[in-house]
Amino acid sequence: MSKRARALFCSPLTTAILTAAAGGVSASTDGGMGNLNMVRGVTEVSQVAYDVHMLMMWICTVIGVVVFGFMFYVMYAHRKSRGVEAANFHEHLGVEIAWTVVPALILIFMAIPATSALLKVYDTDNADIDIKVTGYQWKWQYEYLGEGVKYMSELRTSLDEVYGREPKGEHYLREVTEPLVIPVNKKVRFLITGNDVIHSWWVPDFGVKRDAVPGLFTAAWARVNTPGMYVGECTELCGIGHAFMPVVVEVKSEEDYSVWLADKKEQAAVYASTVGKQWSPQELIEKGQQVYMRSCAGCHQPDGNGIAGVFPAVNGSAIVNGPIDGHIGILINGVAGSAMQSFADQLSEVDLAAVIHYKRNAWDNAVGDVVQPIDILNFKNAQ
């Protein structure tokens, strides 16, 4: 191998590309080529997929060794320099039967474990917990069906890290505001869909990868026996923020999960009681700034000035400084044909009221009016 070729195929960049192309690979911690094989994972689905993968790899390896070994033997033993003369024949019944029957038997042998694995992968019946997963540009929404718990999971990495204004953290682009939480030893069924464009929900350690298609539900399941944090990502190119929607799943013990779920239900009850509350302007500003930095700053920038030709500014915007119903309508309904999506189902009435109030009274904007959660609820009911 030439020095140039060796430099190409042994470079860190090439290693990274090969690792990514392998699909579902483990991260390397030894500084070398790492593990280019599939992840065995922590669920029945991922483990049966791994076992089938390894079986097929060994079958292909054995076939390759036998075929190429025989071919090289024939080339060596029957070469012209040894005085061997080529035989002249056109067909051989025994050979034709052999190369038809043997591959057919191999395929049947391979089909048995593959079919068994597929039946397990798609066996979503009798789940203990149902979770609806909805992909948005560029975040995930998790809804625990029958429990009254629903929340958004968004990228927590700061824009300063993304744009190189400060060093990238240990979990760069792999940290979220709220992970999906599930208990150990329970069969969890994921009902996956999309809100705007096609996304894809992928957790390698679970052996789960399903497209999130608007208007369509696809199902997957997992039963995890080991508590911990498991990280995946969207694997469908879904727009300019595609790299900014990781999937983070936290698997808790059954006791810790029960405590967490009870706390989320309590938070939902508290929220319900605050919809009719009259928030002070200062409370709305403080909460609105948090919501803006989490859900709006990625497009409109922390200073509200947007990105020229891509995302409009909200600082000095005619909509933000115009009638309040028009401003509310933009967030509730979105703007057709643009990147401005509807936030009616992404943010609560409290969060919507707070962020609207914040935008109307931050930077150079000084409208001076007050938006309350009940105003958002009334607007929704009037539509």
Protein backbone atom coordinates (compact mmCIF):
# COMPACT_ATOMS: atom_id res chain seq x y z
CA MET A 1 0.00 0.00 0.00
CA SER A 2 1.38 3.44 -0.94
CA LYS A 3 2.01 6.09 1.70
CA ARG A 4 -0.81 8.18 0.23
CA ALA A 5 -3.30 5.31 0.35
CA ARG A 6 -2.20 4.35 3.86
CA ALA A 7 -2.67 7.92 5.02
CA LEU A 8 -6.16 8.00 3.49
CA PHE A 9 -7.47 4.72 4.86
CA CYS A 10 -5.89 5.08 8.30
CA SER A 11 -6.83 8.70 8.94
CA PRO A 12 -9.12 9.62 11.85
CA LEU A 13 -11.62 11.15 9.41
CA THR A 14 -11.87 7.97 7.39
CA THR A 15 -12.25 5.98 10.60
CA ALA A 16 -15.12 8.21 11.66
CA ILE A 17 -16.82 7.89 8.26
CA LEU A 18 -16.49 4.10 8.29
CA THR A 19 -17.81 3.96 11.83
CA ALA A 20 -20.85 6.06 10.96
CA ALA A 21 -21.50 4.06 7.80
CA ALA A 22 -21.51 0.79 9.74
CA GLY A 23 -24.84 1.79 11.31
CA GLY A 24 -25.52 1.26 14.99
CA VAL A 25 -21.90 1.10 16.06
CA SER A 26 -20.40 1.46 19.49
CA ALA A 27 -18.28 4.45 20.35
CA SER A 28 -14.60 3.72 20.57
CA THR A 29 -12.85 4.41 23.85
CA ASP A 30 -9.48 2.92 23.02
CA GLY A 31 -8.38 5.58 20.52
CA GLY A 32 -8.11 3.02 17.72
CA MET A 33 -10.48 1.89 15.01
CA GLY A 34 -13.07 1.10 17.66
CA ASN A 35 -15.88 -1.38 17.31
CA LEU A 36 -17.22 -1.34 13.75
CA ASN A 37 -19.68 -4.10 14.51
CA MET A 38 -23.32 -3.67 15.49
CA VAL A 39 -24.19 -2.82 19.06
CA ARG A 40 -25.47 -5.88 20.91
CA GLY A 41 -27.73 -3.62 22.92
CA VAL A 42 -29.74 -4.08 26.10
CA THR A 43 -33.12 -5.30 24.80
CA GLU A 44 -34.47 -8.57 23.41
CA VAL A 45 -34.96 -6.90 20.03
CA SER A 46 -31.42 -5.55 19.77
CA GLN A 47 -29.87 -8.82 20.94
CA VAL A 48 -31.83 -11.02 18.54
CA ALA A 49 -30.94 -8.63 15.69
CA TYR A 50 -27.28 -8.86 16.70
CA ASP A 51 -27.39 -12.66 16.86
CA VAL A 52 -28.96 -12.90 13.39
CA HIS A 53 -26.43 -10.42 12.04
CA MET A 54 -23.50 -12.46 13.41
CA LEU A 55 -24.98 -15.72 12.09
CA MET A 56 -25.31 -14.23 8.59
CA MET A 57 -21.78 -12.83 8.81
CA TRP A 58 -20.36 -16.26 9.66
CA ILE A 59 -22.38 -17.94 6.89
CA CYS A 60 -21.11 -15.39 4.38
CA THR A 61 -17.57 -15.81 5.70
CA VAL A 62 -17.67 -19.59 5.34
CA ILE A 63 -19.16 -19.32 1.83
CA GLY A 64 -16.49 -16.79 0.87
CA VAL A 65 -13.67 -18.96 2.22
CA VAL A 66 -14.99 -22.09 0.46
CA VAL A 67 -15.68 -20.40 -2.89
CA PHE A 68 -12.50 -18.35 -3.07
CA GLY A 69 -10.42 -21.20 -1.64
CA PHE A 70 -11.71 -23.56 -4.33
CA MET A 71 -11.20 -20.91 -7.00
CA PHE A 72 -7.59 -20.22 -5.98
CA TYR A 73 -6.89 -23.96 -5.71
CA VAL A 74 -8.18 -24.54 -9.24
CA MET A 75 -6.16 -21.62 -10.57
CA TYR A 76 -3.03 -23.02 -8.91
CA ALA A 77 -3.46 -26.75 -9.56
CA HIS A 78 -4.67 -26.44 -13.14
CA ARG A 79 -2.44 -23.69 -14.45
CA LYS A 80 -0.95 -23.91 -17.91
CA SER A 81 2.65 -23.95 -16.63
CA ARG A 82 1.99 -27.40 -15.17
CA GLY A 83 0.96 -28.72 -18.56
CA VAL A 84 -2.74 -28.88 -17.76
CA GLU A 85 -5.02 -28.53 -20.78
CA ALA A 86 -8.36 -26.84 -20.40
CA ALA A 87 -11.38 -29.14 -20.61
CA ASN A 88 -13.98 -28.25 -23.19
CA PHE A 89 -17.51 -28.82 -21.92
CA HIS A 90 -20.72 -26.79 -21.89
CA GLU A 91 -22.90 -28.30 -19.20
CA HIS A 92 -22.84 -30.75 -16.32
CA LEU A 93 -26.14 -31.90 -14.83
CA GLY A 94 -24.69 -32.67 -11.42
CA VAL A 95 -22.99 -29.27 -11.10
CA GLU A 96 -26.12 -27.40 -12.20
CA ILE A 97 -28.27 -29.28 -9.68
CA ALA A 98 -25.70 -28.65 -6.95
CA TRP A 99 -25.43 -24.90 -7.51
CA THR A 100 -29.22 -24.63 -7.53
CA VAL A 101 -30.04 -26.84 -4.54
CA VAL A 102 -27.20 -25.81 -2.22
CA PRO A 103 -27.92 -22.02 -2.37
CA ALA A 104 -31.64 -22.75 -1.91
CA LEU A 105 -30.92 -24.78 1.22
CA ILE A 106 -28.61 -22.05 2.52
CA LEU A 107 -31.32 -19.43 2.00
CA ILE A 108 -33.90 -21.57 3.79
CA PHE A 109 -31.48 -22.08 6.68
CA MET A 110 -30.92 -18.31 6.85
CA ALA A 111 -34.63 -17.52 6.59
CA ILE A 112 -35.60 -19.48 9.71
CA PRO A 113 -33.72 -17.34 12.31
CA ALA A 114 -34.38 -14.16 10.31
CA THR A 115 -38.14 -14.76 10.33
CA SER A 116 -38.07 -15.59 14.03
CA ALA A 117 -36.22 -12.31 14.69
CA LEU A 118 -38.69 -10.28 12.62
CA LEU A 119 -41.64 -11.76 14.50
CA LYS A 120 -40.02 -10.66 17.78
CA VAL A 121 -39.20 -7.18 16.42
CA TYR A 122 -42.83 -6.55 15.42
CA ASP A 123 -44.44 -8.17 18.46
CA THR A 124 -45.82 -4.98 20.01
CA ASP A 125 -48.81 -6.63 21.73
CA ASN A 126 -49.46 -6.69 25.48
CA ALA A 127 -47.38 -3.64 26.35
CA ASP A 128 -47.21 -2.41 29.93
CA ILE A 129 -46.71 1.25 28.92
CA ASP A 130 -47.69 3.13 25.75
CA ILE A 131 -45.74 6.25 24.80
CA LYS A 132 -46.57 8.43 21.81
CA VAL A 133 -43.42 9.86 20.21
CA THR A 134 -43.88 12.84 17.89
CA GLY A 135 -41.07 14.36 15.85
CA TYR A 136 -40.98 18.13 15.35
CA GLN A 137 -38.42 20.37 13.71
CA TRP A 138 -36.21 19.91 15.72
CA LYS A 139 -37.31 18.26 18.94
CA TRP A 140 -39.27 15.28 20.26
CA GLN A 141 -42.54 15.23 22.15
CA TYR A 142 -43.33 12.34 24.51
CA GLU A 143 -46.87 11.60 25.69
CA TYR A 144 -47.57 8.85 28.21
CA LEU A 145 -50.96 7.62 27.06
CA GLY A 146 -53.50 7.29 29.82
CA GLU A 147 -51.30 9.08 32.35
CA GLY A 148 -51.89 12.72 31.46
CA VAL A 149 -48.16 13.37 31.05
CA LYS A 150 -46.78 15.09 27.96
CA TYR A 151 -43.63 17.16 27.45
CA MET A 152 -41.06 18.28 24.89
CA SER A 153 -37.49 17.03 24.77
CA GLU A 154 -35.22 19.64 23.19
CA LEU A 155 -31.49 20.07 22.65
CA ARG A 156 -29.81 21.53 25.73
CA THR A 157 -26.43 22.29 24.15
CA SER A 158 -25.99 26.06 24.10
CA LEU A 159 -25.76 28.06 20.90
CA ASP A 160 -22.40 29.37 22.11
CA GLU A 161 -21.04 25.82 21.89
CA VAL A 162 -22.67 25.24 18.50
CA TYR A 163 -21.15 28.39 16.98
CA GLY A 164 -17.76 27.97 18.66
CA ARG A 165 -18.03 30.89 21.03
CA GLU A 166 -17.16 28.61 23.94
CA PRO A 167 -15.59 25.12 24.24
CA LYS A 168 -17.82 22.20 23.39
CA GLY A 169 -18.98 20.23 26.43
CA GLU A 170 -18.61 16.52 27.13
CA HIS A 171 -22.13 15.77 25.85
CA TYR A 172 -22.13 18.16 22.91
CA LEU A 173 -25.32 17.69 20.83
CA ARG A 174 -26.20 14.66 22.98
CA GLU A 175 -27.98 16.38 25.87
CA VAL A 176 -31.63 17.34 26.16
CA THR A 177 -33.86 19.38 28.43
CA GLU A 178 -35.92 16.34 29.44
CA PRO A 179 -35.10 12.75 28.46
CA LEU A 180 -37.69 10.08 27.82
CA VAL A 181 -38.03 8.10 31.05
CA ILE A 182 -39.06 4.43 31.19
CA PRO A 183 -38.86 1.73 33.88
CA VAL A 184 -36.79 -1.44 33.81
CA ASN A 185 -38.38 -4.83 33.19
CA LYS A 186 -41.51 -3.35 31.56
CA LYS A 187 -42.57 -3.75 27.95
CA VAL A 188 -42.80 -0.23 26.56
CA ARG A 189 -44.55 0.33 23.23
CA PHE A 190 -43.55 3.41 21.23
CA LEU A 191 -46.15 4.84 18.85
CA ILE A 192 -44.11 7.04 16.55
CA THR A 193 -45.33 9.80 14.24
CA GLY A 194 -44.26 13.15 12.85
CA ASN A 195 -45.80 16.61 12.99
CA ASP A 196 -44.21 18.40 10.05
CA VAL A 197 -41.69 16.41 7.97
CA ILE A 198 -40.36 12.86 8.16
CA HIS A 199 -38.05 12.22 11.12
CA SER A 200 -36.64 8.92 12.37
CA TRP A 201 -36.44 7.88 16.04
CA TRP A 202 -33.36 5.71 16.65
CA VAL A 203 -31.87 4.28 19.83
CA PRO A 204 -29.09 1.80 18.88
CA ASP A 205 -28.96 0.07 22.28
CA PHE A 206 -32.69 -0.68 22.02
CA GLY A 207 -32.53 -1.96 18.45
CA VAL A 208 -35.33 0.52 17.67
CA LYS A 209 -35.37 2.68 14.54
CA ARG A 210 -38.69 3.84 13.12
CA ASP A 211 -39.57 6.64 10.75
CA ALA A 212 -41.78 9.37 12.21
CA VAL A 213 -44.11 10.11 9.31
CA PRO A 214 -46.79 12.82 9.54
CA GLY A 215 -50.26 11.27 9.48
CA LEU A 216 -48.94 7.74 10.10
CA PHE A 217 -48.14 5.79 13.26
CA THR A 218 -45.42 3.15 13.35
CA ALA A 219 -44.91 0.95 16.41
CA ALA A 220 -41.83 -0.40 18.16
CA TRP A 221 -41.13 -1.77 21.61
CA ALA A 222 -38.40 -2.28 24.17
CA ARG A 223 -37.94 -4.04 27.48
CA VAL A 224 -34.75 -2.87 29.19
CA ASN A 225 -33.26 -4.75 32.12
CA THR A 226 -30.38 -2.38 32.85
CA PRO A 227 -30.94 1.14 34.26
CA GLY A 228 -28.94 3.92 32.66
CA MET A 229 -28.87 6.63 30.01
CA TYR A 230 -29.15 5.59 26.36
CA VAL A 231 -28.55 8.01 23.50
CA GLY A 232 -29.74 7.99 19.92
CA GLU A 233 -30.69 10.55 17.32
CA CYS A 234 -32.91 11.45 14.41
CA THR A 235 -31.62 9.53 11.39
CA GLU A 236 -33.77 11.11 8.68
CA LEU A 237 -32.52 14.33 7.11
CA CYS A 238 -35.30 16.65 8.30
CA GLY A 239 -33.95 20.14 7.67
CA ILE A 240 -31.13 22.42 8.74
CA GLY A 241 -31.59 21.53 12.43
CA HIS A 242 -31.39 17.78 11.80
CA ALA A 243 -28.18 17.49 13.84
CA PHE A 244 -29.83 19.18 16.80
CA MET A 245 -32.49 16.62 17.80
CA PRO A 246 -30.85 13.83 19.80
CA VAL A 247 -32.85 11.08 21.49
CA VAL A 248 -32.01 10.52 25.16
CA VAL A 249 -33.73 7.78 27.16
CA GLU A 250 -33.28 7.35 30.89
CA VAL A 251 -34.14 3.90 32.24
CA LYS A 252 -35.00 4.01 35.94
CA SER A 253 -35.75 1.33 38.51
CA GLU A 254 -39.47 0.66 38.93
CA GLU A 255 -39.49 2.51 42.26
CA ASP A 256 -37.70 5.58 40.87
CA TYR A 257 -39.93 5.57 37.80
CA SER A 258 -43.06 5.57 39.98
CA VAL A 259 -41.72 8.55 41.90
CA TRP A 260 -40.84 10.37 38.67
CA LEU A 261 -44.27 9.69 37.13
CA ALA A 262 -46.07 10.88 40.27
CA ASP A 263 -44.00 14.07 40.19
CA LYS A 264 -44.85 14.69 36.52
CA LYS A 265 -48.55 14.21 37.25
CA GLU A 266 -48.29 16.68 40.10
CA GLN A 267 -46.59 19.18 37.79
CA ALA A 268 -49.45 18.72 35.30
CA ALA A 269 -51.98 19.41 38.06
CA VAL A 270 -50.08 22.52 39.15
CA TYR A 271 -49.96 23.72 35.55
CA ALA A 272 -53.73 23.23 35.19
CA SER A 273 -54.24 25.43 38.23
CA THR A 274 -52.04 28.21 36.82
CA VAL A 275 -53.83 28.65 33.49
CA GLY A 276 -56.34 30.98 35.13
CA LYS A 277 -53.74 32.69 37.31
CA GLN A 278 -52.97 36.35 36.71
CA TRP A 279 -49.21 36.41 36.26
CA SER A 280 -47.28 39.57 37.01
CA PRO A 281 -45.33 41.18 34.13
CA GLN A 282 -42.05 40.33 35.86
CA GLU A 283 -43.04 36.67 36.27
CA LEU A 284 -43.97 36.50 32.59
CA ILE A 285 -40.69 38.13 31.55
CA GLU A 286 -38.59 35.70 33.60
CA LYS A 287 -40.44 32.62 32.41
CA GLY A 288 -40.72 33.91 28.85
CA GLN A 289 -36.98 34.40 28.59
CA GLN A 290 -36.43 30.78 29.61
CA VAL A 291 -38.93 29.56 27.01
CA TYR A 292 -37.48 31.81 24.32
CA MET A 293 -33.92 30.62 24.87
CA ARG A 294 -35.07 27.00 24.82
CA SER A 295 -37.55 27.01 21.95
CA CYS A 296 -37.03 30.16 19.85
CA ALA A 297 -33.42 31.33 20.04
CA GLY A 298 -32.17 28.55 17.76
CA CYS A 299 -33.83 30.30 14.80
CA HIS A 300 -34.38 33.91 15.88
CA GLN A 301 -31.08 34.20 17.85
CA PRO A 302 -30.73 35.10 21.54
CA ASP A 303 -30.68 38.82 20.71
CA GLY A 304 -33.90 38.58 18.67
CA ASN A 305 -32.25 39.77 15.45
CA GLY A 306 -32.73 36.55 13.48
CA ILE A 307 -30.61 35.50 10.52
CA ALA A 308 -30.93 37.69 7.45
CA GLY A 309 -32.62 35.88 4.58
CA VAL A 310 -33.26 32.79 6.68
CA PHE A 311 -35.12 33.59 9.91
CA PRO A 312 -36.83 36.95 10.44
CA ALA A 313 -35.97 39.14 13.38
CA VAL A 314 -38.42 39.43 16.26
CA ASN A 315 -36.67 42.53 17.57
CA GLY A 316 -38.55 45.37 15.94
CA SER A 317 -40.86 42.99 14.10
CA ALA A 318 -44.18 44.41 12.88
CA ILE A 319 -45.94 41.24 14.06
CA VAL A 320 -44.40 41.33 17.54
CA ASN A 321 -45.17 45.02 17.89
CA GLY A 322 -48.59 44.78 16.25
CA PRO A 323 -52.01 43.61 17.50
CA ILE A 324 -51.76 40.93 20.15
CA ASP A 325 -54.18 38.54 18.42
CA GLY A 326 -51.98 38.49 15.32
CA HIS A 327 -48.93 37.66 17.43
CA ILE A 328 -50.77 34.88 19.26
CA GLY A 329 -52.11 33.52 15.96
CA ILE A 330 -48.61 33.17 14.50
CA LEU A 331 -47.51 30.93 17.39
CA ILE A 332 -50.75 28.97 17.50
CA ASN A 333 -51.13 28.35 13.77
CA GLY A 334 -47.62 28.77 12.40
CA VAL A 335 -46.94 30.10 8.89
CA ALA A 336 -47.71 27.78 5.99
CA GLY A 337 -44.80 27.22 3.63
CA SER A 338 -42.18 28.47 6.07
CA ALA A 339 -40.06 27.11 8.90
CA MET A 340 -42.40 28.76 11.41
CA GLN A 341 -44.37 25.83 12.77
CA SER A 342 -47.37 25.75 15.07
CA PHE A 343 -46.49 25.74 18.75
CA ALA A 344 -50.06 25.08 19.91
CA ASP A 345 -49.23 21.51 20.91
CA GLN A 346 -45.57 22.08 21.73
CA LEU A 347 -45.85 24.75 24.42
CA SER A 348 -48.38 25.06 27.21
CA GLU A 349 -50.71 28.04 27.52
CA VAL A 350 -48.46 29.34 30.29
CA ASP A 351 -45.31 29.02 28.18
CA LEU A 352 -46.98 30.59 25.14
CA ALA A 353 -48.26 33.55 27.13
CA ALA A 354 -44.87 34.05 28.77
CA VAL A 355 -42.82 33.91 25.58
CA ILE A 356 -45.20 36.21 23.71
CA HIS A 357 -45.11 38.71 26.58
CA TYR A 358 -41.32 38.46 26.68
CA LYS A 359 -40.89 39.12 22.95
CA ARG A 360 -43.26 42.10 23.05
CA ASN A 361 -41.33 43.68 25.92
CA ALA A 362 -37.68 42.68 25.33
CA TRP A 363 -34.77 44.27 23.42
CA ASP A 364 -36.09 47.32 21.51
CA ASN A 365 -39.69 46.15 21.76
CA ALA A 366 -41.76 47.94 24.35
CA VAL A 367 -45.41 47.29 23.55
CA GLY A 368 -46.28 47.36 27.23
CA ASP A 369 -49.30 45.05 27.12
CA VAL A 370 -49.62 41.89 29.24
CA VAL A 371 -50.44 38.43 27.84
CA GLN A 372 -51.99 35.94 30.26
CA PRO A 373 -52.35 32.15 29.84
CA ILE A 374 -56.13 32.52 29.82
CA ASP A 375 -55.78 34.72 26.72
CA ILE A 376 -54.06 31.85 24.92
CA LEU A 377 -56.73 29.38 26.03
CA ASN A 378 -59.53 31.69 24.90
CA PHE A 379 -57.84 32.19 21.51
CA LYS A 380 -57.62 28.42 21.01
CA ASN A 381 -61.25 27.90 22.00
CA ALA A 382 -62.39 30.62 19.60
CA GLN A 383 -60.81 28.93 16.58
